[in-house]
C-alpha atoms as a PDB file:
ATOM      1  CA  MET A   1      42.415 -17.178 -15.580  1.00  0.00           C
ATOM      2  CA  GLU A   2      38.869 -16.244 -14.191  1.00  0.00           C
ATOM      3  CA  SER A   3      36.159 -17.167 -16.545  1.00  0.00           C
ATOM      4  CA  LYS A   4      33.450 -14.475 -17.426  1.00  0.00           C
ATOM      5  CA  SER A   5      30.337 -14.461 -15.387  1.00  0.00           C
ATOM      6  CA  ILE A   6      26.855 -15.058 -17.347  1.00  0.00           C
ATOM      7  CA  VAL A   7      23.564 -13.669 -16.238  1.00  0.00           C
ATOM      8  CA  ARG A   8      20.451 -15.329 -17.439  1.00  0.00           C
ATOM      9  CA  THR A   9      16.816 -16.053 -16.459  1.00  0.00           C
ATOM     10  CA  ALA A  10      16.349 -19.011 -14.105  1.00  0.00           C
ATOM     11  CA  GLN A  11      14.676 -22.145 -15.674  1.00  0.00           C
ATOM     12  CA  LYS A  12      12.811 -24.938 -14.113  1.00  0.00           C
ATOM     13  CA  GLU A  13      15.732 -27.317 -14.691  1.00  0.00           C
ATOM     14  CA  ASP A  14      17.860 -24.978 -12.543  1.00  0.00           C
ATOM     15  CA  GLN A  15      15.762 -25.749  -9.342  1.00  0.00           C
ATOM     16  CA  ASP A  16      18.183 -28.322  -7.654  1.00  0.00           C
ATOM     17  CA  ALA A  17      21.154 -26.009  -8.278  1.00  0.00           C
ATOM     18  CA  ILE A  18      19.371 -22.967  -6.939  1.00  0.00           C
ATOM     19  CA  GLN A  19      18.333 -25.054  -3.656  1.00  0.00           C
ATOM     20  CA  ILE A  20      22.027 -25.966  -3.260  1.00  0.00           C
ATOM     21  CA  PHE A  21      22.891 -22.408  -3.836  1.00  0.00           C
ATOM     22  CA  MET A  22      20.563 -21.070  -1.293  1.00  0.00           C
ATOM     23  CA  ASP A  23      21.480 -23.783   1.335  1.00  0.00           C
ATOM     24  CA  HIS A  24      25.205 -22.708   1.059  1.00  0.00           C
ATOM     25  CA  ALA A  25      25.234 -19.095   0.061  1.00  0.00           C
ATOM     26  CA  GLY A  26      27.722 -17.050   2.033  1.00  0.00           C
ATOM     27  CA  ALA A  27      25.252 -13.987   2.080  1.00  0.00           C
ATOM     28  CA  ILE A  28      21.396 -14.237   1.127  1.00  0.00           C
ATOM     29  CA  HIS A  29      18.534 -11.847   1.845  1.00  0.00           C
ATOM     30  CA  ARG A  30      15.111 -13.129   1.767  1.00  0.00           C
ATOM     31  CA  HIS A  31      11.739 -11.222   1.755  1.00  0.00           C
ATOM     32  CA  LEU A  32       9.283 -13.571   0.271  1.00  0.00           C
ATOM     33  CA  ASP A  33       5.922 -12.579   1.317  1.00  0.00           C
ATOM     34  CA  TRP A  34       4.159 -15.843   1.644  1.00  0.00           C
ATOM     35  CA  ARG A  35       5.944 -17.411  -1.338  1.00  0.00           C
ATOM     36  CA  SER A  36       8.583 -20.082  -2.037  1.00  0.00           C
ATOM     37  CA  PRO A  37      11.489 -18.792  -4.376  1.00  0.00           C
ATOM     38  CA  PHE A  38      10.429 -21.498  -6.892  1.00  0.00           C
ATOM     39  CA  ASP A  39       6.993 -19.807  -7.306  1.00  0.00           C
ATOM     40  CA  TRP A  40       8.880 -17.389  -9.428  1.00  0.00           C
ATOM     41  CA  LEU A  41      10.502 -19.759 -11.734  1.00  0.00           C
ATOM     42  CA  GLY A  42       9.741 -18.724 -15.355  1.00  0.00           C
ATOM     43  CA  ASN A  43       9.633 -15.172 -14.318  1.00  0.00           C
ATOM     44  CA  ARG A  44      12.000 -13.021 -16.310  1.00  0.00           C
ATOM     45  CA  ASN A  45      13.178 -11.210 -13.344  1.00  0.00           C
ATOM     46  CA  PHE A  46      14.396 -14.394 -11.521  1.00  0.00           C
ATOM     47  CA  LEU A  47      18.126 -13.987 -12.530  1.00  0.00           C
ATOM     48  CA  LEU A  48      21.224 -16.203 -12.029  1.00  0.00           C
ATOM     49  CA  SER A  49      24.670 -15.178 -12.154  1.00  0.00           C
ATOM     50  CA  LEU A  50      26.831 -18.225 -13.323  1.00  0.00           C
ATOM     51  CA  GLN A  51      30.545 -18.819 -13.381  1.00  0.00           C
ATOM     52  CA  ASN A  52      32.046 -21.979 -14.832  1.00  0.00           C
ATOM     53  CA  GLY A  53      28.449 -23.276 -15.082  1.00  0.00           C
ATOM     54  CA  LYS A  54      27.788 -23.030 -11.325  1.00  0.00           C
ATOM     55  CA  ILE A  55      25.562 -20.416  -9.717  1.00  0.00           C
ATOM     56  CA  SER A  56      27.692 -17.483  -8.073  1.00  0.00           C
ATOM     57  CA  GLY A  57      24.766 -15.052  -7.457  1.00  0.00           C
ATOM     58  CA  LEU A  58      21.030 -14.817  -7.358  1.00  0.00           C
ATOM     59  CA  LEU A  59      18.357 -12.053  -7.633  1.00  0.00           C
ATOM     60  CA  ILE A  60      14.515 -12.187  -7.636  1.00  0.00           C
ATOM     61  CA  CYS A  61      12.843  -8.757  -7.963  1.00  0.00           C
ATOM     62  CA  THR A  62       9.121  -8.880  -8.973  1.00  0.00           C
ATOM     63  CA  ALA A  63       6.090  -6.512  -8.814  1.00  0.00           C
ATOM     64  CA  GLU A  64       2.876  -7.869  -7.141  1.00  0.00           C
ATOM     65  CA  PRO A  65       0.511  -6.601  -7.879  1.00  0.00           C
ATOM     66  CA  ASP A  66       2.324  -4.395 -10.550  1.00  0.00           C
ATOM     67  CA  GLU A  67       3.243  -1.082  -9.031  1.00  0.00           C
ATOM     68  CA  VAL A  68       6.581  -1.678  -7.103  1.00  0.00           C
ATOM     69  CA  TYR A  69       9.360  -4.335  -7.731  1.00  0.00           C
ATOM     70  CA  TRP A  70      10.481  -5.768  -4.499  1.00  0.00           C
ATOM     71  CA  VAL A  71      13.776  -7.432  -4.123  1.00  0.00           C
ATOM     72  CA  ARG A  72      12.632 -10.876  -2.955  1.00  0.00           C
ATOM     73  CA  ILE A  73      15.942 -12.636  -2.889  1.00  0.00           C
ATOM     74  CA  PHE A  74      19.390 -11.578  -3.332  1.00  0.00           C
ATOM     75  CA  GLY A  75      22.466 -13.824  -2.542  1.00  0.00           C
ATOM     76  CA  ALA A  76      26.027 -14.486  -3.406  1.00  0.00           C
ATOM     77  CA  THR A  77      28.177 -17.612  -2.925  1.00  0.00           C
ATOM     78  CA  HIS A  78      30.983 -15.938  -1.187  1.00  0.00           C
ATOM     79  CA  PHE A  79      30.415 -12.752   1.154  1.00  0.00           C
ATOM     80  CA  SER A  80      33.405 -11.180  -0.312  1.00  0.00           C
ATOM     81  CA  GLN A  81      31.506 -11.175  -3.984  1.00  0.00           C
ATOM     82  CA  ILE A  82      28.363  -9.486  -2.862  1.00  0.00           C
ATOM     83  CA  GLU A  83      29.223  -6.204  -4.538  1.00  0.00           C
ATOM     84  CA  LYS A  84      30.327  -7.884  -7.792  1.00  0.00           C
ATOM     85  CA  GLN A  85      27.087  -9.976  -7.849  1.00  0.00           C
ATOM     86  CA  TRP A  86      24.859  -7.149  -7.171  1.00  0.00           C
ATOM     87  CA  ASP A  87      26.419  -5.149  -9.910  1.00  0.00           C
ATOM     88  CA  LEU A  88      26.062  -8.027 -12.502  1.00  0.00           C
ATOM     89  CA  LEU A  89      22.560  -8.904 -11.624  1.00  0.00           C
ATOM     90  CA  PHE A  90      21.041  -5.425 -10.822  1.00  0.00           C
ATOM     91  CA  THR A  91      22.458  -4.189 -14.154  1.00  0.00           C
ATOM     92  CA  GLN A  92      20.671  -6.887 -16.080  1.00  0.00           C
ATOM     93  CA  LEU A  93      17.493  -6.281 -14.215  1.00  0.00           C
ATOM     94  CA  THR A  94      17.370  -2.596 -14.879  1.00  0.00           C
ATOM     95  CA  GLN A  95      17.937  -3.321 -18.649  1.00  0.00           C
ATOM     96  CA  GLN A  96      15.029  -5.577 -18.708  1.00  0.00           C
ATOM     97  CA  LEU A  97      12.476  -3.629 -16.910  1.00  0.00           C
ATOM     98  CA  PRO A  98       9.735  -2.240 -19.004  1.00  0.00           C
ATOM     99  CA  ASN A  99      10.054   1.308 -20.206  1.00  0.00           C
ATOM    100  CA  GLN A 100       7.293   3.479 -18.929  1.00  0.00           C
ATOM    101  CA  PRO A 101       6.332   7.172 -19.202  1.00  0.00           C
ATOM    102  CA  GLN A 102       6.711   7.283 -15.261  1.00  0.00           C
ATOM    103  CA  PRO A 103       9.775   6.033 -13.420  1.00  0.00           C
ATOM    104  CA  VAL A 104       9.636   2.401 -12.258  1.00  0.00           C
ATOM    105  CA  THR A 105       9.876   1.828  -8.515  1.00  0.00           C
ATOM    106  CA  LEU A 106      11.868  -0.740  -6.906  1.00  0.00           C
ATOM    107  CA  ALA A 107      11.901  -1.565  -3.152  1.00  0.00           C
ATOM    108  CA  SER A 108      13.802  -3.461  -0.628  1.00  0.00           C
ATOM    109  CA  ILE A 109      13.820  -4.051   3.220  1.00  0.00           C
ATOM    110  CA  ALA A 110      17.337  -4.442   4.605  1.00  0.00           C
ATOM    111  CA  TYR A 111      17.541  -7.050   7.249  1.00  0.00           C
ATOM    112  CA  PHE A 112      21.275  -7.220   7.263  1.00  0.00           C
ATOM    113  CA  ASP A 113      23.942  -4.541   7.524  1.00  0.00           C
ATOM    114  CA  TRP A 114      25.494  -5.735   4.314  1.00  0.00           C
ATOM    115  CA  MET A 115      22.169  -5.278   2.445  1.00  0.00           C
ATOM    116  CA  GLU A 116      21.854  -1.954   3.628  1.00  0.00           C
ATOM    117  CA  ASN A 117      25.318  -1.016   2.593  1.00  0.00           C
ATOM    118  CA  ILE A 118      24.822  -2.336  -0.832  1.00  0.00           C
ATOM    119  CA  LEU A 119      21.527  -0.461  -1.387  1.00  0.00           C
ATOM    120  CA  SER A 120      23.001   2.820  -0.050  1.00  0.00           C
ATOM    121  CA  GLU A 121      26.069   2.515  -2.121  1.00  0.00           C
ATOM    122  CA  ASN A 122      23.911   2.072  -5.217  1.00  0.00           C
ATOM    123  CA  HIS A 123      21.772   5.228  -4.610  1.00  0.00           C
ATOM    124  CA  TRP A 124      18.731   3.554  -3.191  1.00  0.00           C
ATOM    125  CA  ASN A 125      17.157   6.042  -0.378  1.00  0.00           C
ATOM    126  CA  VAL A 126      15.316   5.053   2.759  1.00  0.00           C
ATOM    127  CA  GLN A 127      11.774   5.711   2.540  1.00  0.00           C
ATOM    128  CA  GLN A 128      10.530   4.252   5.765  1.00  0.00           C
ATOM    129  CA  GLU A 129      11.428   2.037   8.639  1.00  0.00           C
ATOM    130  CA  VAL A 130       9.538  -1.098   9.786  1.00  0.00           C
ATOM    131  CA  VAL A 131       9.439  -1.291  13.568  1.00  0.00           C
ATOM    132  CA  GLN A 132       8.418  -4.268  15.594  1.00  0.00           C
ATOM    133  CA  LEU A 133       6.241  -4.343  18.740  1.00  0.00           C
ATOM    134  CA  ARG A 134       5.529  -7.024  21.377  1.00  0.00           C
ATOM    135  CA  TRP A 135       2.328  -7.564  23.369  1.00  0.00           C
ATOM    136  CA  ALA A 136       3.376  -6.925  26.770  1.00  0.00           C
ATOM    137  CA  GLN A 137      -0.027  -6.495  28.552  1.00  0.00           C
ATOM    138  CA  ASN A 138      -1.436  -9.828  29.393  1.00  0.00           C
ATOM    139  CA  ASN A 139      -4.689  -8.681  31.078  1.00  0.00           C
ATOM    140  CA  LEU A 140      -7.349  -8.746  28.307  1.00  0.00           C
ATOM    141  CA  SER A 141      -9.979  -7.631  30.801  1.00  0.00           C
ATOM    142  CA  LYS A 142      -8.427  -4.110  30.714  1.00  0.00           C
ATOM    143  CA  LEU A 143      -9.344  -3.731  27.101  1.00  0.00           C
ATOM    144  CA  ASP A 144     -12.624  -1.904  26.659  1.00  0.00           C
ATOM    145  CA  LYS A 145     -15.241  -2.582  23.953  1.00  0.00           C
ATOM    146  CA  LYS A 146     -15.842   0.582  22.083  1.00  0.00           C
ATOM    147  CA  TRP A 147     -16.826  -0.841  18.617  1.00  0.00           C
ATOM    148  CA  PRO A 148     -20.299  -0.781  17.002  1.00  0.00           C
ATOM    149  CA  GLU A 149     -22.874  -3.272  18.665  1.00  0.00           C
ATOM    150  CA  GLU A 150     -23.848  -4.571  15.182  1.00  0.00           C
ATOM    151  CA  LEU A 151     -20.111  -5.579  14.405  1.00  0.00           C
ATOM    152  CA  SER A 152     -19.392  -9.265  14.522  1.00  0.00           C
ATOM    153  CA  ILE A 153     -16.070 -11.013  13.832  1.00  0.00           C
ATOM    154  CA  ARG A 154     -15.970 -14.634  12.098  1.00  0.00           C
ATOM    155  CA  PRO A 155     -13.378 -16.639  10.565  1.00  0.00           C
ATOM    156  CA  MET A 156     -12.174 -15.786   6.970  1.00  0.00           C
ATOM    157  CA  THR A 157     -13.083 -18.105   4.128  1.00  0.00           C
ATOM    158  CA  TYR A 158     -12.036 -18.431   0.566  1.00  0.00           C
ATOM    159  CA  ASN A 159     -15.289 -16.538  -0.520  1.00  0.00           C
ATOM    160  CA  ASP A 160     -13.925 -13.621   1.415  1.00  0.00           C
ATOM    161  CA  ILE A 161     -10.518 -13.246  -0.281  1.00  0.00           C
ATOM    162  CA  LYS A 162     -11.799 -10.831  -3.233  1.00  0.00           C
ATOM    163  CA  ALA A 163     -13.285  -8.476  -0.613  1.00  0.00           C
ATOM    164  CA  VAL A 164     -10.433  -8.577   1.835  1.00  0.00           C
ATOM    165  CA  THR A 165      -7.897  -7.822  -1.335  1.00  0.00           C
ATOM    166  CA  GLU A 166     -10.072  -4.626  -2.118  1.00  0.00           C
ATOM    167  CA  ILE A 167      -9.918  -3.430   1.384  1.00  0.00           C
ATOM    168  CA  ASP A 168      -6.173  -4.240   1.551  1.00  0.00           C
ATOM    169  CA  GLN A 169      -5.632  -2.241  -1.579  1.00  0.00           C
ATOM    170  CA  ASP A 170      -7.728   0.871  -0.377  1.00  0.00           C
ATOM    171  CA  CYS A 171      -5.852   1.017   2.862  1.00  0.00           C
ATOM    172  CA  PHE A 172      -2.201   0.651   2.268  1.00  0.00           C
ATOM    173  CA  LEU A 173       0.290   2.867   0.551  1.00  0.00           C
ATOM    174  CA  TYR A 174       1.363   1.912  -3.075  1.00  0.00           C
ATOM    175  CA  ILE A 175       4.636   0.072  -1.877  1.00  0.00           C
ATOM    176  CA  TRP A 176       2.662  -2.136   0.661  1.00  0.00           C
ATOM    177  CA  LYS A 177      -0.283  -3.154  -1.477  1.00  0.00           C
ATOM    178  CA  GLN A 178      -0.811  -6.996  -1.960  1.00  0.00           C
ATOM    179  CA  SER A 179      -2.311  -8.871  -4.944  1.00  0.00           C
ATOM    180  CA  GLN A 180      -5.162 -11.127  -4.696  1.00  0.00           C
ATOM    181  CA  ASP A 181      -2.875 -14.077  -5.204  1.00  0.00           C
ATOM    182  CA  VAL A 182      -0.606 -12.955  -2.121  1.00  0.00           C
ATOM    183  CA  ILE A 183      -3.569 -12.467  -0.016  1.00  0.00           C
ATOM    184  CA  ARG A 184      -4.903 -16.006  -0.687  1.00  0.00           C
ATOM    185  CA  ARG A 185      -1.468 -17.363  -0.138  1.00  0.00           C
ATOM    186  CA  ALA A 186      -1.412 -15.573   3.177  1.00  0.00           C
ATOM    187  CA  PHE A 187      -4.794 -17.085   4.027  1.00  0.00           C
ATOM    188  CA  GLU A 188      -3.727 -20.551   3.439  1.00  0.00           C
ATOM    189  CA  GLN A 189      -0.505 -20.168   5.359  1.00  0.00           C
ATOM    190  CA  SER A 190      -1.856 -18.283   8.281  1.00  0.00           C
ATOM    191  CA  SER A 191      -2.937 -19.867  11.633  1.00  0.00           C
ATOM    192  CA  TYR A 192      -5.785 -17.547  12.550  1.00  0.00           C
ATOM    193  CA  THR A 193      -7.687 -15.207   9.956  1.00  0.00           C
ATOM    194  CA  THR A 194     -10.866 -13.232  10.769  1.00  0.00           C
ATOM    195  CA  VAL A 195     -13.037 -10.513   8.937  1.00  0.00           C
ATOM    196  CA  ALA A 196     -15.204  -7.920  10.777  1.00  0.00           C
ATOM    197  CA  VAL A 197     -18.651  -7.720   9.460  1.00  0.00           C
ATOM    198  CA  ILE A 198     -21.415  -5.083   9.736  1.00  0.00           C
ATOM    199  CA  GLU A 199     -24.828  -5.861   7.925  1.00  0.00           C
ATOM    200  CA  ASP A 200     -23.292  -8.501   5.969  1.00  0.00           C
ATOM    201  CA  GLU A 201     -20.374  -6.309   4.645  1.00  0.00           C
ATOM    202  CA  ILE A 202     -16.902  -7.267   5.264  1.00  0.00           C
ATOM    203  CA  VAL A 203     -15.456  -3.987   6.820  1.00  0.00           C
ATOM    204  CA  GLY A 204     -11.913  -5.175   8.134  1.00  0.00           C
ATOM    205  CA  PHE A 205      -9.714  -8.303   8.438  1.00  0.00           C
ATOM    206  CA  GLN A 206      -6.719  -9.621  10.281  1.00  0.00           C
ATOM    207  CA  ILE A 207      -4.304 -12.424   9.229  1.00  0.00           C
ATOM    208  CA  SER A 208      -2.045 -14.013  11.860  1.00  0.00           C
ATOM    209  CA  THR A 209       0.614 -16.690  12.055  1.00  0.00           C
ATOM    210  CA  SER A 210       2.023 -18.785  14.706  1.00  0.00           C
ATOM    211  CA  HIS A 211       5.149 -20.937  15.154  1.00  0.00           C
ATOM    212  CA  LYS A 212       5.980 -22.790  18.252  1.00  0.00           C
ATOM    213  CA  SER A 213       5.631 -20.412  21.066  1.00  0.00           C
ATOM    214  CA  ILE A 214       5.389 -17.034  18.972  1.00  0.00           C
ATOM    215  CA  ALA A 215       2.208 -15.585  17.171  1.00  0.00           C
ATOM    216  CA  HIS A 216       2.712 -12.624  14.671  1.00  0.00           C
ATOM    217  CA  LEU A 217      -0.111 -10.144  13.449  1.00  0.00           C
ATOM    218  CA  ALA A 218       0.899 -10.164   9.915  1.00  0.00           C
ATOM    219  CA  ARG A 219      -1.840  -7.966   8.526  1.00  0.00           C
ATOM    220  CA  LEU A 220      -4.658  -5.794   9.672  1.00  0.00           C
ATOM    221  CA  ALA A 221      -6.884  -3.301   7.687  1.00  0.00           C
ATOM    222  CA  VAL A 222     -10.262  -1.661   8.108  1.00  0.00           C
ATOM    223  CA  GLN A 223     -12.328  -0.024   5.225  1.00  0.00           C
ATOM    224  CA  PRO A 224     -11.550   3.744   5.159  1.00  0.00           C
ATOM    225  CA  LYS A 225     -15.296   4.621   5.424  1.00  0.00           C
ATOM    226  CA  PHE A 226     -15.394   2.553   8.711  1.00  0.00           C
ATOM    227  CA  GLN A 227     -12.309   3.671  10.296  1.00  0.00           C
ATOM    228  CA  GLY A 228     -12.466   5.577  13.489  1.00  0.00           C
ATOM    229  CA  GLN A 229     -15.060   3.155  15.096  1.00  0.00           C
ATOM    230  CA  HIS A 230     -12.543   0.845  16.772  1.00  0.00           C
ATOM    231  CA  ILE A 231     -12.988  -2.041  14.394  1.00  0.00           C
ATOM    232  CA  GLY A 232      -9.354  -2.552  14.296  1.00  0.00           C
ATOM    233  CA  GLN A 233      -9.272  -2.833  18.080  1.00  0.00           C
ATOM    234  CA  ALA A 234     -12.086  -5.412  17.895  1.00  0.00           C
ATOM    235  CA  LEU A 235      -9.959  -7.394  15.399  1.00  0.00           C
ATOM    236  CA  VAL A 236      -6.749  -7.115  17.431  1.00  0.00           C
ATOM    237  CA  GLN A 237      -8.494  -7.909  20.702  1.00  0.00           C
ATOM    238  CA  ASN A 238     -10.043 -11.126  19.248  1.00  0.00           C
ATOM    239  CA  MET A 239      -6.892 -12.035  17.831  1.00  0.00           C
ATOM    240  CA  LEU A 240      -5.193 -11.632  21.300  1.00  0.00           C
ATOM    241  CA  ARG A 241      -7.900 -13.574  23.004  1.00  0.00           C
ATOM    242  CA  HIS A 242      -7.205 -16.372  20.347  1.00  0.00           C
ATOM    243  CA  TYR A 243      -3.692 -16.702  21.219  1.00  0.00           C
ATOM    244  CA  SER A 244      -4.103 -16.571  24.902  1.00  0.00           C
ATOM    245  CA  ARG A 245      -2.927 -20.014  25.425  1.00  0.00           C
ATOM    246  CA  PRO A 246      -0.268 -21.503  27.837  1.00  0.00           C
ATOM    247  CA  TRP A 247       2.049 -22.327  24.801  1.00  0.00           C
ATOM    248  CA  ILE A 248       1.913 -18.899  23.265  1.00  0.00           C
ATOM    249  CA  HIS A 249       4.485 -16.936  24.974  1.00  0.00           C
ATOM    250  CA  GLU A 250       5.086 -13.925  22.693  1.00  0.00           C
ATOM    251  CA  ILE A 251       2.676 -12.097  20.148  1.00  0.00           C
ATOM    252  CA  THR A 252       4.359  -9.499  17.775  1.00  0.00           C
ATOM    253  CA  VAL A 253       3.327  -7.126  14.950  1.00  0.00           C
ATOM    254  CA  ASN A 254       5.244  -5.009  12.605  1.00  0.00           C
ATOM    255  CA  THR A 255       4.286  -1.471  11.322  1.00  0.00           C
ATOM    256  CA  GLN A 256       5.914   1.502   9.683  1.00  0.00           C
ATOM    257  CA  HIS A 257       7.759   4.059  12.138  1.00  0.00           C
ATOM    258  CA  ASP A 258       5.637   6.847  10.763  1.00  0.00           C
ATOM    259  CA  ASN A 259       2.094   5.252  10.847  1.00  0.00           C
ATOM    260  CA  GLN A 260       0.736   7.011  13.852  1.00  0.00           C
ATOM    261  CA  VAL A 261      -2.585   5.406  13.658  1.00  0.00           C
ATOM    262  CA  SER A 262      -1.249   1.811  13.725  1.00  0.00           C
ATOM    263  CA  LEU A 263       1.381   2.677  16.480  1.00  0.00           C
ATOM    264  CA  GLY A 264      -1.499   4.532  18.586  1.00  0.00           C
ATOM    265  CA  LEU A 265      -3.702   1.308  18.279  1.00  0.00           C
ATOM    266  CA  TYR A 266      -1.153  -1.039  19.171  1.00  0.00           C
ATOM    267  CA  ARG A 267       0.244   0.942  22.206  1.00  0.00           C
ATOM    268  CA  LYS A 268      -3.312   1.413  23.403  1.00  0.00           C
ATOM    269  CA  MET A 269      -3.876  -2.224  23.459  1.00  0.00           C
ATOM    270  CA  GLY A 270      -0.519  -3.052  25.414  1.00  0.00           C
ATOM    271  CA  PHE A 271       1.995  -3.540  22.658  1.00  0.00           C
ATOM    272  CA  GLU A 272       5.761  -2.139  23.269  1.00  0.00           C
ATOM    273  CA  SER A 273       8.518  -1.608  20.944  1.00  0.00           C
ATOM    274  CA  THR A 274      11.181  -4.332  20.891  1.00  0.00           C
ATOM    275  CA  GLY A 275      13.739  -2.085  19.353  1.00  0.00           C
ATOM    276  CA  GLU A 276      13.974  -3.941  16.257  1.00  0.00           C
ATOM    277  CA  ARG A 277      13.978  -1.522  13.202  1.00  0.00           C
ATOM    278  CA  PHE A 278      14.447  -2.335   9.500  1.00  0.00           C
ATOM    279  CA  PRO A 279      14.996   0.333   6.757  1.00  0.00           C
ATOM    280  CA  ILE A 280      12.792   0.256   3.622  1.00  0.00           C
ATOM    281  CA  PHE A 281      14.873   1.352   0.596  1.00  0.00           C
ATOM    282  CA  VAL A 282      13.311   2.696  -2.584  1.00  0.00           C
ATOM    283  CA  TYR A 283      15.077   3.079  -6.225  1.00  0.00           C
ATOM    284  CA  GLN A 284      13.397   5.062  -9.094  1.00  0.00           C
ATOM    285  CA  LYS A 285      14.614   3.765 -12.478  1.00  0.00           C
ATOM    286  CA  SER A 286      13.771   6.283 -15.080  1.00  0.00           C
END
């Protein structure tokens, strides 16, 4: 006879069992945004489903800064159990989310067909798609300089993180905003970060990563009052020059399918679509 599943919040003493689960899960979705799963230990929305004392499902869904709850990890021991584990864990999650006058927004990217199916079948709606582009134009001399003469670009420092966070939160839609803690983690884990400065004021920034032969532009923003002055182009061109090294064979960037400003900038600078597209699902819990 099959024992009843128990759903509870993960504790620090579960860490070894959680690692084993993630290493051997039959299906697992990850969208960590610069964090380790164990950074969320102690968060009440780090949920485990247990059967016979063993982890059979896991769900982490957190809000950072505090507007939108993103699905960070969802997994099941066996692929055949993903629907059951989702029902168990998501039911518990929605029961413990705070009651607010306005609906609570939850969001998830879907990297896999099975995750897309789970979300669609449970009344999540596609709000956007993330598309990937790859830099295909290797001649940097073709890129014209059009930004203000007084603009300078320098490496980002810890002292810049507060100002960078403010720019980030002014520029991105509510589902894409990042907290200061996440910006700090991105800075610490990046391989190349810069800020654009005019008269000692930080007016924009970029955060990029690299692994082996691939570099990736992870975050780019310019203060709204300085947009339209080609400052984003200056930051991207500086990043491209930095990664113009023999061992970097590919430079990529992701953006939203309907962000015409970003798409126009990247295409003008020689980026082309890779054909990779991932839907962003949103769920409103009233």
